[in-house]
C-alpha atoms as a PDB file:
ATOM      1  CA  UNK A   1       0.000   0.000   0.000  1.00  0.00           C
ATOM      2  CA  UNK A   2       1.387   3.373  -0.927  1.00  0.00           C
ATOM      3  CA  UNK A   3       2.267   5.994   1.676  1.00  0.00           C
ATOM      4  CA  UNK A   4      -0.310   8.381   0.176  1.00  0.00           C
ATOM      5  CA  UNK A   5      -3.115   5.811   0.641  1.00  0.00           C
ATOM      6  CA  UNK A   6      -2.159   5.272   4.307  1.00  0.00           C
ATOM      7  CA  UNK A   7      -2.158   9.021   4.910  1.00  0.00           C
ATOM      8  CA  UNK A   8      -5.517   9.393   3.159  1.00  0.00           C
ATOM      9  CA  UNK A   9      -7.067   6.563   5.237  1.00  0.00           C
ATOM     10  CA  UNK A  10      -5.792   8.069   8.480  1.00  0.00           C
ATOM     11  CA  UNK A  11      -7.220  11.459   7.504  1.00  0.00           C
ATOM     12  CA  UNK A  12     -10.656   9.955   6.695  1.00  0.00           C
ATOM     13  CA  UNK A  13     -10.665   7.991   9.965  1.00  0.00           C
ATOM     14  CA  UNK A  14      -9.750  11.072  11.969  1.00  0.00           C
ATOM     15  CA  UNK A  15     -12.377  13.190  10.199  1.00  0.00           C
ATOM     16  CA  UNK A  16     -15.036  10.548  10.843  1.00  0.00           C
ATOM     17  CA  UNK A  17     -14.142  10.414  14.526  1.00  0.00           C
ATOM     18  CA  UNK A  18     -14.300  14.196  14.833  1.00  0.00           C
ATOM     19  CA  UNK A  19     -17.655  14.324  13.057  1.00  0.00           C
ATOM     20  CA  UNK A  20     -19.075  11.636  15.318  1.00  0.00           C
ATOM     21  CA  UNK A  21     -17.791  13.451  18.390  1.00  0.00           C
ATOM     22  CA  UNK A  22     -19.366  16.686  17.202  1.00  0.00           C
ATOM     23  CA  UNK A  23     -22.724  14.952  16.865  1.00  0.00           C
ATOM     24  CA  UNK A  24     -22.681  13.725  20.462  1.00  0.00           C
ATOM     25  CA  UNK A  25     -24.562  15.897  22.989  1.00  0.00           C
ATOM     26  CA  UNK A  26     -22.194  18.274  24.736  1.00  0.00           C
ATOM     27  CA  UNK A  27     -21.653  17.801  28.469  1.00  0.00           C
ATOM     28  CA  UNK A  28     -23.193  20.696  30.375  1.00  0.00           C
ATOM     29  CA  UNK A  29     -21.051  22.860  32.619  1.00  0.00           C
ATOM     30  CA  UNK A  30     -21.071  21.848  36.246  1.00  0.00           C
ATOM     31  CA  UNK A  31     -24.126  23.298  37.946  1.00  0.00           C
ATOM     32  CA  UNK A  32     -23.747  25.177  41.202  1.00  0.00           C
ATOM     33  CA  UNK A  33     -24.588  23.146  44.290  1.00  0.00           C
ATOM     34  CA  UNK A  34     -26.107  26.151  46.067  1.00  0.00           C
ATOM     35  CA  UNK A  35     -27.998  29.166  44.752  1.00  0.00           C
ATOM     36  CA  UNK A  36     -27.483  32.426  46.603  1.00  0.00           C
ATOM     37  CA  UNK A  37     -29.963  35.235  45.821  1.00  0.00           C
ATOM     38  CA  UNK A  38     -29.309  38.730  47.161  1.00  0.00           C
ATOM     39  CA  UNK A  39     -31.786  41.573  46.773  1.00  0.00           C
ATOM     40  CA  UNK A  40     -31.313  45.331  47.094  1.00  0.00           C
ATOM     41  CA  UNK A  41     -33.247  48.467  46.143  1.00  0.00           C
ATOM     42  CA  UNK A  42     -30.776  50.372  43.937  1.00  0.00           C
ATOM     43  CA  UNK A  43     -31.320  50.297  40.146  1.00  0.00           C
ATOM     44  CA  UNK A  44     -29.321  47.925  37.953  1.00  0.00           C
ATOM     45  CA  UNK A  45     -27.130  50.686  36.544  1.00  0.00           C
ATOM     46  CA  UNK A  46     -26.156  52.037  39.953  1.00  0.00           C
ATOM     47  CA  UNK A  47     -22.491  51.648  41.018  1.00  0.00           C
ATOM     48  CA  UNK A  48     -23.598  49.881  44.220  1.00  0.00           C
ATOM     49  CA  UNK A  49     -25.175  47.132  42.114  1.00  0.00           C
ATOM     50  CA  UNK A  50     -21.950  46.823  40.144  1.00  0.00           C
ATOM     51  CA  UNK A  51     -20.005  46.432  43.378  1.00  0.00           C
ATOM     52  CA  UNK A  52     -22.282  43.595  44.447  1.00  0.00           C
ATOM     53  CA  UNK A  53     -21.709  41.924  41.082  1.00  0.00           C
ATOM     54  CA  UNK A  54     -17.987  41.980  41.861  1.00  0.00           C
ATOM     55  CA  UNK A  55     -18.726  40.220  45.156  1.00  0.00           C
ATOM     56  CA  UNK A  56     -20.720  37.651  43.187  1.00  0.00           C
ATOM     57  CA  UNK A  57     -17.745  36.955  40.938  1.00  0.00           C
ATOM     58  CA  UNK A  58     -15.436  36.519  43.912  1.00  0.00           C
ATOM     59  CA  UNK A  59     -17.786  34.009  45.528  1.00  0.00           C
ATOM     60  CA  UNK A  60     -18.057  32.050  42.279  1.00  0.00           C
ATOM     61  CA  UNK A  61     -14.288  31.877  41.907  1.00  0.00           C
ATOM     62  CA  UNK A  62     -13.633  31.308  45.605  1.00  0.00           C
ATOM     63  CA  UNK A  63     -15.967  28.285  45.689  1.00  0.00           C
ATOM     64  CA  UNK A  64     -14.886  26.874  42.288  1.00  0.00           C
ATOM     65  CA  UNK A  65     -18.394  27.334  40.957  1.00  0.00           C
ATOM     66  CA  UNK A  66     -20.064  25.390  43.757  1.00  0.00           C
ATOM     67  CA  UNK A  67     -22.020  28.470  44.796  1.00  0.00           C
ATOM     68  CA  UNK A  68     -23.780  30.902  42.476  1.00  0.00           C
ATOM     69  CA  UNK A  69     -24.657  34.365  43.792  1.00  0.00           C
ATOM     70  CA  UNK A  70     -27.320  36.177  41.761  1.00  0.00           C
ATOM     71  CA  UNK A  71     -27.916  39.880  42.450  1.00  0.00           C
ATOM     72  CA  UNK A  72     -31.459  41.236  42.090  1.00  0.00           C
ATOM     73  CA  UNK A  73     -31.629  45.065  41.965  1.00  0.00           C
ATOM     74  CA  UNK A  74     -34.572  47.472  42.207  1.00  0.00           C
ATOM     75  CA  UNK A  75     -36.460  45.387  44.811  1.00  0.00           C
ATOM     76  CA  UNK A  76     -37.045  42.577  42.310  1.00  0.00           C
ATOM     77  CA  UNK A  77     -37.298  40.117  45.198  1.00  0.00           C
ATOM     78  CA  UNK A  78     -40.091  42.150  46.738  1.00  0.00           C
ATOM     79  CA  UNK A  79     -40.642  45.092  49.038  1.00  0.00           C
ATOM     80  CA  UNK A  80     -39.386  45.513  52.574  1.00  0.00           C
ATOM     81  CA  UNK A  81     -41.928  43.243  54.235  1.00  0.00           C
ATOM     82  CA  UNK A  82     -41.517  40.463  51.682  1.00  0.00           C
ATOM     83  CA  UNK A  83     -37.730  40.547  51.917  1.00  0.00           C
ATOM     84  CA  UNK A  84     -37.849  40.428  55.722  1.00  0.00           C
ATOM     85  CA  UNK A  85     -40.166  37.425  55.627  1.00  0.00           C
ATOM     86  CA  UNK A  86     -38.142  35.719  52.903  1.00  0.00           C
ATOM     87  CA  UNK A  87     -34.925  36.041  54.893  1.00  0.00           C
ATOM     88  CA  UNK A  88     -36.485  34.512  57.973  1.00  0.00           C
ATOM     89  CA  UNK A  89     -38.042  31.649  56.002  1.00  0.00           C
ATOM     90  CA  UNK A  90     -34.967  31.009  53.865  1.00  0.00           C
ATOM     91  CA  UNK A  91     -36.748  31.703  50.541  1.00  0.00           C
ATOM     92  CA  UNK A  92     -34.449  34.713  50.089  1.00  0.00           C
ATOM     93  CA  UNK A  93     -30.860  33.936  50.977  1.00  0.00           C
ATOM     94  CA  UNK A  94     -29.578  37.497  51.505  1.00  0.00           C
ATOM     95  CA  UNK A  95     -30.611  41.130  51.266  1.00  0.00           C
ATOM     96  CA  UNK A  96     -28.865  44.480  51.475  1.00  0.00           C
ATOM     97  CA  UNK A  97     -30.562  47.758  52.308  1.00  0.00           C
ATOM     98  CA  UNK A  98     -31.062  50.544  54.855  1.00  0.00           C
ATOM     99  CA  UNK A  99     -31.276  49.014  58.327  1.00  0.00           C
ATOM    100  CA  UNK A 100     -34.752  50.467  58.898  1.00  0.00           C
ATOM    101  CA  UNK A 101     -35.951  48.595  55.814  1.00  0.00           C
ATOM    102  CA  UNK A 102     -35.984  45.458  57.963  1.00  0.00           C
ATOM    103  CA  UNK A 103     -38.334  46.722  60.685  1.00  0.00           C
ATOM    104  CA  UNK A 104     -40.748  44.037  59.502  1.00  0.00           C
ATOM    105  CA  UNK A 105     -38.365  41.498  61.024  1.00  0.00           C
ATOM    106  CA  UNK A 106     -37.790  43.517  64.187  1.00  0.00           C
ATOM    107  CA  UNK A 107     -38.569  47.169  65.097  1.00  0.00           C
ATOM    108  CA  UNK A 108     -35.095  47.514  66.606  1.00  0.00           C
ATOM    109  CA  UNK A 109     -33.580  47.756  63.113  1.00  0.00           C
ATOM    110  CA  UNK A 110     -34.849  51.342  62.903  1.00  0.00           C
ATOM    111  CA  UNK A 111     -32.518  52.255  65.756  1.00  0.00           C
ATOM    112  CA  UNK A 112     -29.574  52.957  63.442  1.00  0.00           C
ATOM    113  CA  UNK A 113     -31.621  55.647  61.686  1.00  0.00           C
ATOM    114  CA  UNK A 114     -32.713  57.487  64.813  1.00  0.00           C
ATOM    115  CA  UNK A 115     -31.427  60.953  65.638  1.00  0.00           C
ATOM    116  CA  UNK A 116     -28.898  61.520  68.403  1.00  0.00           C
ATOM    117  CA  UNK A 117     -26.405  58.758  67.617  1.00  0.00           C
ATOM    118  CA  UNK A 118     -23.858  60.285  65.234  1.00  0.00           C
ATOM    119  CA  UNK A 119     -22.289  63.717  64.694  1.00  0.00           C
ATOM    120  CA  UNK A 120     -21.538  63.408  60.985  1.00  0.00           C
ATOM    121  CA  UNK A 121     -20.890  60.864  58.244  1.00  0.00           C
ATOM    122  CA  UNK A 122     -17.285  60.235  59.295  1.00  0.00           C
ATOM    123  CA  UNK A 123     -18.519  59.498  62.800  1.00  0.00           C
ATOM    124  CA  UNK A 124     -20.996  56.995  61.357  1.00  0.00           C
ATOM    125  CA  UNK A 125     -18.307  55.334  59.282  1.00  0.00           C
ATOM    126  CA  UNK A 126     -15.956  54.864  62.225  1.00  0.00           C
ATOM    127  CA  UNK A 127     -18.720  53.869  64.628  1.00  0.00           C
ATOM    128  CA  UNK A 128     -19.766  50.956  62.424  1.00  0.00           C
ATOM    129  CA  UNK A 129     -16.290  49.484  62.948  1.00  0.00           C
ATOM    130  CA  UNK A 130     -16.563  49.490  66.757  1.00  0.00           C
ATOM    131  CA  UNK A 131     -16.829  45.874  68.010  1.00  0.00           C
ATOM    132  CA  UNK A 132     -19.613  46.763  70.462  1.00  0.00           C
ATOM    133  CA  UNK A 133     -21.679  48.315  67.680  1.00  0.00           C
ATOM    134  CA  UNK A 134     -21.168  45.364  65.363  1.00  0.00           C
ATOM    135  CA  UNK A 135     -21.952  42.841  68.080  1.00  0.00           C
ATOM    136  CA  UNK A 136     -25.159  44.699  68.954  1.00  0.00           C
ATOM    137  CA  UNK A 137     -26.313  44.548  65.323  1.00  0.00           C
ATOM    138  CA  UNK A 138     -25.250  40.907  65.054  1.00  0.00           C
ATOM    139  CA  UNK A 139     -27.147  39.953  68.218  1.00  0.00           C
ATOM    140  CA  UNK A 140     -30.288  41.652  66.917  1.00  0.00           C
ATOM    141  CA  UNK A 141     -30.042  39.823  63.582  1.00  0.00           C
ATOM    142  CA  UNK A 142     -29.433  36.468  65.296  1.00  0.00           C
ATOM    143  CA  UNK A 143     -32.509  36.884  67.479  1.00  0.00           C
ATOM    144  CA  UNK A 144     -34.608  36.946  64.305  1.00  0.00           C
ATOM    145  CA  UNK A 145     -33.007  34.040  62.465  1.00  0.00           C
ATOM    146  CA  UNK A 146     -30.691  36.304  60.463  1.00  0.00           C
ATOM    147  CA  UNK A 147     -26.951  36.735  60.195  1.00  0.00           C
ATOM    148  CA  UNK A 148     -25.251  40.121  60.045  1.00  0.00           C
ATOM    149  CA  UNK A 149     -22.711  40.059  57.220  1.00  0.00           C
ATOM    150  CA  UNK A 150     -21.603  43.671  56.550  1.00  0.00           C
ATOM    151  CA  UNK A 151     -22.395  47.344  57.176  1.00  0.00           C
ATOM    152  CA  UNK A 152     -21.877  50.317  54.878  1.00  0.00           C
ATOM    153  CA  UNK A 153     -22.444  54.045  55.312  1.00  0.00           C
ATOM    154  CA  UNK A 154     -24.838  54.985  52.528  1.00  0.00           C
ATOM    155  CA  UNK A 155     -25.207  58.666  53.417  1.00  0.00           C
ATOM    156  CA  UNK A 156     -26.708  60.956  56.002  1.00  0.00           C
ATOM    157  CA  UNK A 157     -30.287  62.074  55.506  1.00  0.00           C
ATOM    158  CA  UNK A 158     -31.432  64.930  53.217  1.00  0.00           C
ATOM    159  CA  UNK A 159     -34.730  66.219  51.856  1.00  0.00           C
ATOM    160  CA  UNK A 160     -35.314  66.306  48.110  1.00  0.00           C
ATOM    161  CA  UNK A 161     -38.278  68.516  47.175  1.00  0.00           C
ATOM    162  CA  UNK A 162     -40.097  69.955  44.206  1.00  0.00           C
ATOM    163  CA  UNK A 163     -40.167  73.480  45.650  1.00  0.00           C
ATOM    164  CA  UNK A 164     -37.142  75.006  47.400  1.00  0.00           C
ATOM    165  CA  UNK A 165     -36.990  74.659  51.187  1.00  0.00           C
ATOM    166  CA  UNK A 166     -34.655  77.091  52.921  1.00  0.00           C
ATOM    167  CA  UNK A 167     -35.981  77.243  56.494  1.00  0.00           C
ATOM    168  CA  UNK A 168     -37.973  75.165  58.966  1.00  0.00           C
ATOM    169  CA  UNK A 169     -41.171  77.067  58.224  1.00  0.00           C
ATOM    170  CA  UNK A 170     -41.022  75.661  54.684  1.00  0.00           C
ATOM    171  CA  UNK A 171     -41.765  72.161  56.029  1.00  0.00           C
ATOM    172  CA  UNK A 172     -45.279  73.153  57.014  1.00  0.00           C
ATOM    173  CA  UNK A 173     -47.851  71.114  55.095  1.00  0.00           C
ATOM    174  CA  UNK A 174     -45.271  69.314  52.930  1.00  0.00           C
ATOM    175  CA  UNK A 175     -45.961  65.657  52.176  1.00  0.00           C
ATOM    176  CA  UNK A 176     -42.629  63.864  52.500  1.00  0.00           C
ATOM    177  CA  UNK A 177     -42.006  60.245  51.503  1.00  0.00           C
ATOM    178  CA  UNK A 178     -40.378  58.098  54.190  1.00  0.00           C
ATOM    179  CA  UNK A 179     -39.779  54.421  54.867  1.00  0.00           C
ATOM    180  CA  UNK A 180     -42.318  52.652  57.040  1.00  0.00           C
ATOM    181  CA  UNK A 181     -40.404  52.943  60.335  1.00  0.00           C
ATOM    182  CA  UNK A 182     -42.217  54.678  63.166  1.00  0.00           C
ATOM    183  CA  UNK A 183     -39.139  56.706  64.092  1.00  0.00           C
ATOM    184  CA  UNK A 184     -38.587  58.238  60.648  1.00  0.00           C
ATOM    185  CA  UNK A 185     -42.239  59.218  60.457  1.00  0.00           C
ATOM    186  CA  UNK A 186     -42.029  60.864  63.882  1.00  0.00           C
ATOM    187  CA  UNK A 187     -38.816  62.706  62.996  1.00  0.00           C
ATOM    188  CA  UNK A 188     -40.210  64.110  59.756  1.00  0.00           C
ATOM    189  CA  UNK A 189     -43.497  65.071  61.408  1.00  0.00           C
ATOM    190  CA  UNK A 190     -41.604  66.921  64.153  1.00  0.00           C
ATOM    191  CA  UNK A 191     -40.277  69.332  61.531  1.00  0.00           C
ATOM    192  CA  UNK A 192     -43.807  70.316  60.529  1.00  0.00           C
ATOM    193  CA  UNK A 193     -44.170  68.074  57.468  1.00  0.00           C
ATOM    194  CA  UNK A 194     -46.480  65.085  56.968  1.00  0.00           C
ATOM    195  CA  UNK A 195     -44.671  61.765  56.598  1.00  0.00           C
ATOM    196  CA  UNK A 196     -45.971  59.495  53.822  1.00  0.00           C
ATOM    197  CA  UNK A 197     -44.650  55.882  53.894  1.00  0.00           C
ATOM    198  CA  UNK A 198     -44.059  54.686  50.345  1.00  0.00           C
ATOM    199  CA  UNK A 199     -41.964  52.080  48.535  1.00  0.00           C
ATOM    200  CA  UNK A 200     -38.998  53.374  46.565  1.00  0.00           C
ATOM    201  CA  UNK A 201     -40.414  52.341  43.194  1.00  0.00           C
ATOM    202  CA  UNK A 202     -43.492  54.512  43.740  1.00  0.00           C
ATOM    203  CA  UNK A 203     -41.593  57.702  44.554  1.00  0.00           C
ATOM    204  CA  UNK A 204     -40.738  59.163  41.139  1.00  0.00           C
ATOM    205  CA  UNK A 205     -44.297  58.866  39.739  1.00  0.00           C
ATOM    206  CA  UNK A 206     -45.605  60.357  42.991  1.00  0.00           C
ATOM    207  CA  UNK A 207     -43.233  63.314  42.647  1.00  0.00           C
ATOM    208  CA  UNK A 208     -44.167  63.825  39.010  1.00  0.00           C
ATOM    209  CA  UNK A 209     -47.896  63.663  39.734  1.00  0.00           C
ATOM    210  CA  UNK A 210     -47.717  65.848  42.835  1.00  0.00           C
ATOM    211  CA  UNK A 211     -48.907  63.117  45.209  1.00  0.00           C
ATOM    212  CA  UNK A 212     -45.943  64.002  47.430  1.00  0.00           C
ATOM    213  CA  UNK A 213     -43.879  67.164  47.734  1.00  0.00           C
ATOM    214  CA  UNK A 214     -40.566  65.561  48.535  1.00  0.00           C
ATOM    215  CA  UNK A 215     -38.490  62.643  49.765  1.00  0.00           C
ATOM    216  CA  UNK A 216     -36.401  61.944  52.858  1.00  0.00           C
ATOM    217  CA  UNK A 217     -33.393  59.841  51.857  1.00  0.00           C
ATOM    218  CA  UNK A 218     -29.777  60.217  50.720  1.00  0.00           C
ATOM    219  CA  UNK A 219     -28.209  61.951  47.737  1.00  0.00           C
ATOM    220  CA  UNK A 220     -27.241  58.614  46.097  1.00  0.00           C
ATOM    221  CA  UNK A 221     -30.952  57.703  45.873  1.00  0.00           C
ATOM    222  CA  UNK A 222     -31.848  61.085  44.392  1.00  0.00           C
ATOM    223  CA  UNK A 223     -29.170  60.745  41.708  1.00  0.00           C
ATOM    224  CA  UNK A 224     -29.698  57.046  40.960  1.00  0.00           C
ATOM    225  CA  UNK A 225     -33.409  57.537  40.299  1.00  0.00           C
ATOM    226  CA  UNK A 226     -32.866  60.889  38.504  1.00  0.00           C
ATOM    227  CA  UNK A 227     -35.140  62.941  40.724  1.00  0.00           C
ATOM    228  CA  UNK A 228     -33.396  66.119  39.549  1.00  0.00           C
ATOM    229  CA  UNK A 229     -35.937  66.621  36.760  1.00  0.00           C
ATOM    230  CA  UNK A 230     -39.054  66.315  38.939  1.00  0.00           C
ATOM    231  CA  UNK A 231     -37.625  67.701  42.184  1.00  0.00           C
ATOM    232  CA  UNK A 232     -34.372  69.656  41.732  1.00  0.00           C
ATOM    233  CA  UNK A 233     -33.983  70.918  45.317  1.00  0.00           C
ATOM    234  CA  UNK A 234     -32.020  69.243  48.127  1.00  0.00           C
ATOM    235  CA  UNK A 235     -31.989  70.487  51.709  1.00  0.00           C
ATOM    236  CA  UNK A 236     -29.000  68.768  53.330  1.00  0.00           C
ATOM    237  CA  UNK A 237     -30.087  68.394  56.953  1.00  0.00           C
ATOM    238  CA  UNK A 238     -27.994  65.306  57.907  1.00  0.00           C
ATOM    239  CA  UNK A 239     -30.268  64.719  60.911  1.00  0.00           C
ATOM    240  CA  UNK A 240     -29.770  60.945  61.066  1.00  0.00           C
ATOM    241  CA  UNK A 241     -27.680  58.278  59.376  1.00  0.00           C
ATOM    242  CA  UNK A 242     -28.566  55.926  56.540  1.00  0.00           C
ATOM    243  CA  UNK A 243     -26.687  52.719  57.314  1.00  0.00           C
ATOM    244  CA  UNK A 244     -26.844  49.906  54.792  1.00  0.00           C
ATOM    245  CA  UNK A 245     -26.572  46.425  56.256  1.00  0.00           C
ATOM    246  CA  UNK A 246     -26.263  43.025  54.608  1.00  0.00           C
ATOM    247  CA  UNK A 247     -28.216  40.173  56.168  1.00  0.00           C
ATOM    248  CA  UNK A 248     -28.099  36.446  55.417  1.00  0.00           C
ATOM    249  CA  UNK A 249     -30.866  33.940  56.117  1.00  0.00           C
ATOM    250  CA  UNK A 250     -29.733  31.590  58.884  1.00  0.00           C
ATOM    251  CA  UNK A 251     -32.186  28.915  57.693  1.00  0.00           C
ATOM    252  CA  UNK A 252     -30.352  28.834  54.365  1.00  0.00           C
ATOM    253  CA  UNK A 253     -26.896  29.347  55.886  1.00  0.00           C
ATOM    254  CA  UNK A 254     -27.301  26.308  58.149  1.00  0.00           C
ATOM    255  CA  UNK A 255     -27.835  24.105  55.074  1.00  0.00           C
ATOM    256  CA  UNK A 256     -24.394  24.968  53.697  1.00  0.00           C
ATOM    257  CA  UNK A 257     -21.304  22.850  54.322  1.00  0.00           C
ATOM    258  CA  UNK A 258     -18.738  24.540  56.587  1.00  0.00           C
ATOM    259  CA  UNK A 259     -16.423  25.636  53.771  1.00  0.00           C
ATOM    260  CA  UNK A 260     -19.229  27.462  51.947  1.00  0.00           C
ATOM    261  CA  UNK A 261     -20.464  29.033  55.182  1.00  0.00           C
ATOM    262  CA  UNK A 262     -16.967  30.420  55.582  1.00  0.00           C
ATOM    263  CA  UNK A 263     -16.947  31.657  51.969  1.00  0.00           C
ATOM    264  CA  UNK A 264     -20.214  33.580  52.456  1.00  0.00           C
ATOM    265  CA  UNK A 265     -19.068  35.372  55.595  1.00  0.00           C
ATOM    266  CA  UNK A 266     -15.587  36.078  54.252  1.00  0.00           C
ATOM    267  CA  UNK A 267     -17.053  37.610  51.087  1.00  0.00           C
ATOM    268  CA  UNK A 268     -18.934  40.150  53.187  1.00  0.00           C
ATOM    269  CA  UNK A 269     -15.882  40.883  55.322  1.00  0.00           C
ATOM    270  CA  UNK A 270     -13.685  41.472  52.259  1.00  0.00           C
ATOM    271  CA  UNK A 271     -16.257  43.600  50.463  1.00  0.00           C
ATOM    272  CA  UNK A 272     -17.096  45.909  53.361  1.00  0.00           C
ATOM    273  CA  UNK A 273     -13.903  48.038  53.499  1.00  0.00           C
ATOM    274  CA  UNK A 274     -13.779  48.240  49.708  1.00  0.00           C
ATOM    275  CA  UNK A 275     -17.379  49.428  49.448  1.00  0.00           C
ATOM    276  CA  UNK A 276     -16.902  51.956  52.243  1.00  0.00           C
ATOM    277  CA  UNK A 277     -13.759  53.360  50.598  1.00  0.00           C
ATOM    278  CA  UNK A 278     -15.498  53.545  47.235  1.00  0.00           C
ATOM    279  CA  UNK A 279     -18.524  55.191  48.850  1.00  0.00           C
ATOM    280  CA  UNK A 280     -16.501  58.240  49.902  1.00  0.00           C
ATOM    281  CA  UNK A 281     -15.646  59.125  46.304  1.00  0.00           C
ATOM    282  CA  UNK A 282     -19.116  58.134  45.103  1.00  0.00           C
ATOM    283  CA  UNK A 283     -20.828  60.594  47.455  1.00  0.00           C
ATOM    284  CA  UNK A 284     -18.677  63.397  46.116  1.00  0.00           C
ATOM    285  CA  UNK A 285     -19.405  62.348  42.546  1.00  0.00           C
ATOM    286  CA  UNK A 286     -23.153  62.117  43.181  1.00  0.00           C
ATOM    287  CA  UNK A 287     -23.256  65.660  44.527  1.00  0.00           C
ATOM    288  CA  UNK A 288     -21.356  66.903  41.486  1.00  0.00           C
ATOM    289  CA  UNK A 289     -23.757  65.034  39.186  1.00  0.00           C
ATOM    290  CA  UNK A 290     -26.733  66.600  40.942  1.00  0.00           C
ATOM    291  CA  UNK A 291     -25.371  70.105  40.386  1.00  0.00           C
ATOM    292  CA  UNK A 292     -24.445  69.355  36.777  1.00  0.00           C
ATOM    293  CA  UNK A 293     -28.018  68.234  36.136  1.00  0.00           C
ATOM    294  CA  UNK A 294     -29.359  71.582  37.310  1.00  0.00           C
ATOM    295  CA  UNK A 295     -30.108  70.575  40.892  1.00  0.00           C
ATOM    296  CA  UNK A 296     -29.442  72.723  43.953  1.00  0.00           C
ATOM    297  CA  UNK A 297     -28.121  71.768  47.409  1.00  0.00           C
ATOM    298  CA  UNK A 298     -28.598  74.074  50.403  1.00  0.00           C
ATOM    299  CA  UNK A 299     -28.440  73.830  54.198  1.00  0.00           C
ATOM    300  CA  UNK A 300     -30.452  75.400  56.995  1.00  0.00           C
ATOM    301  CA  UNK A 301     -29.112  78.488  58.791  1.00  0.00           C
ATOM    302  CA  UNK A 302     -27.069  77.387  61.848  1.00  0.00           C
ATOM    303  CA  UNK A 303     -29.711  78.351  64.425  1.00  0.00           C
ATOM    304  CA  UNK A 304     -32.431  76.523  62.491  1.00  0.00           C
ATOM    305  CA  UNK A 305     -30.216  73.457  62.055  1.00  0.00           C
ATOM    306  CA  UNK A 306     -29.787  73.314  65.826  1.00  0.00           C
ATOM    307  CA  UNK A 307     -33.547  73.586  66.256  1.00  0.00           C
ATOM    308  CA  UNK A 308     -34.089  70.789  63.727  1.00  0.00           C
ATOM    309  CA  UNK A 309     -31.660  68.556  65.637  1.00  0.00           C
ATOM    310  CA  UNK A 310     -33.472  69.332  68.884  1.00  0.00           C
ATOM    311  CA  UNK A 311     -36.873  68.489  67.372  1.00  0.00           C
ATOM    312  CA  UNK A 312     -35.953  65.166  65.785  1.00  0.00           C
ATOM    313  CA  UNK A 313     -33.974  64.031  68.836  1.00  0.00           C
ATOM    314  CA  UNK A 314     -36.969  64.821  71.041  1.00  0.00           C
ATOM    315  CA  UNK A 315     -39.305  63.045  68.589  1.00  0.00           C
ATOM    316  CA  UNK A 316     -37.619  59.657  69.019  1.00  0.00           C
ATOM    317  CA  UNK A 317     -37.714  59.671  72.822  1.00  0.00           C
ATOM    318  CA  UNK A 318     -41.375  58.577  73.181  1.00  0.00           C
ATOM    319  CA  UNK A 319     -40.706  55.689  70.793  1.00  0.00           C
ATOM    320  CA  UNK A 320     -37.640  54.605  72.760  1.00  0.00           C
ATOM    321  CA  UNK A 321     -39.573  54.837  76.008  1.00  0.00           C
ATOM    322  CA  UNK A 322     -42.424  52.783  74.537  1.00  0.00           C
ATOM    323  CA  UNK A 323     -40.302  49.947  73.094  1.00  0.00           C
ATOM    324  CA  UNK A 324     -37.847  48.738  75.736  1.00  0.00           C
ATOM    325  CA  UNK A 325     -35.806  46.402  73.428  1.00  0.00           C
ATOM    326  CA  UNK A 326     -35.391  49.270  70.945  1.00  0.00           C
ATOM    327  CA  UNK A 327     -34.204  51.574  73.724  1.00  0.00           C
ATOM    328  CA  UNK A 328     -31.667  48.952  74.841  1.00  0.00           C
ATOM    329  CA  UNK A 329     -30.398  48.560  71.254  1.00  0.00           C
ATOM    330  CA  UNK A 330     -30.187  52.342  70.784  1.00  0.00           C
ATOM    331  CA  UNK A 331     -28.338  52.780  74.088  1.00  0.00           C
ATOM    332  CA  UNK A 332     -25.733  50.162  73.146  1.00  0.00           C
ATOM    333  CA  UNK A 333     -25.164  51.695  69.707  1.00  0.00           C
ATOM    334  CA  UNK A 334     -24.898  55.131  71.300  1.00  0.00           C
ATOM    335  CA  UNK A 335     -22.343  53.892  73.835  1.00  0.00           C
ATOM    336  CA  UNK A 336     -20.252  52.343  71.081  1.00  0.00           C
ATOM    337  CA  UNK A 337     -20.456  55.496  68.968  1.00  0.00           C
ATOM    338  CA  UNK A 338     -19.381  57.584  71.967  1.00  0.00           C
ATOM    339  CA  UNK A 339     -16.089  55.675  72.140  1.00  0.00           C
ATOM    340  CA  UNK A 340     -15.295  57.092  68.710  1.00  0.00           C
ATOM    341  CA  UNK A 341     -16.579  60.580  69.475  1.00  0.00           C
ATOM    342  CA  UNK A 342     -14.520  60.830  72.624  1.00  0.00           C
ATOM    343  CA  UNK A 343     -11.189  59.916  71.041  1.00  0.00           C
END
C-alpha cells in the first residue's frame, strides 16, 4: 500500500471520529450546588449594584463554581416586608438595604436611623467598625433568624423637594415620603411636614404627579433615580444616618457545608472596606452630578439646624420609652459610637 493511501485513510478515519464526536450531545457545565440570591433596592445601573456583582464573581471563583450568587436590583425580590419574611423563612438567601428597611423582622432595626447617635458621616463610618456596635447589630439579627454580614455608610439624611426649602417654616404642610419605620415618620413630622410611607419604586411617579412634595433619603438615591428633573432641590439636613446592612438567612446558611459558610461570611468581610472606601468618592461624585443636572443643594441656617436637631432628637424619645428592646439597642449603639466621638 502506498504511503499516500495510508495518509488518506488516516485522515478519513480522523475526520469521521471528529464528526461523530461533534454529533454527540455536549456535556453541560457543572451546575452550582447552592444558589445564593441577594436583593437590594438600587437600580441595575447604579455603582452599588456593580459592586455587588464583583462580590458575586469573587464568591463564584472562591468556591470553584459550587455556589452561584445572583444579584437582584430594584427590589425585584419584593418590598421591605416580603424581603424580611423571605430572609427569615430562607426563601431569600440574603438582602442588602437601609437598616430600617428590615423593621418588619424587628422594630429595633430602625434604631440605626434614629437621631442623636452620630455627629456626621465620618462618625458613622468609624462607629460601624466598633466591636460593640457590630456585636449589637449581630445579636439583633441572630434573634430573628438572620446573620449580620456587613455594614456600609450609605449617606446621612437629606430632603429632596419639588419646591425650594430654605428654612424650617417651609416644612409646614409638605408631604414627604419616608420608609415605614415609626421613628422616621415621627422625625419628619416633628419638623412640621407630613410623613408618607411609600416604597422606593413609587416615589418618582408620585413626585411627578404631585402626590408628594418631597423625599427623605440620601443623595445617592436622588441621583440614581434621577429625581433632579421632577424635584431639583435638596436640603442637606444630615439629621440621622442611613446605614446599609447586609443580612443572610440563617435557615439557608445552616444548610451549607462549613467551607461554603466560611466563603459567604468572608465575602462580606472582604467587600465591606472596599465598598466603604469607594462610597466616599461616590458621594462626592453624586453631589457633582446633581449640580451638573441643574439641581441645587442648600443647608439650613445654623440656628435653624440646631432647632431641627433638637426636634428630631426629642421626637424619638417617646418611641424609645415605649419599646424597651429598641431603647436597649439604641443605648448600646450610642455607647459604642461615643467611644469614637470621645477619642
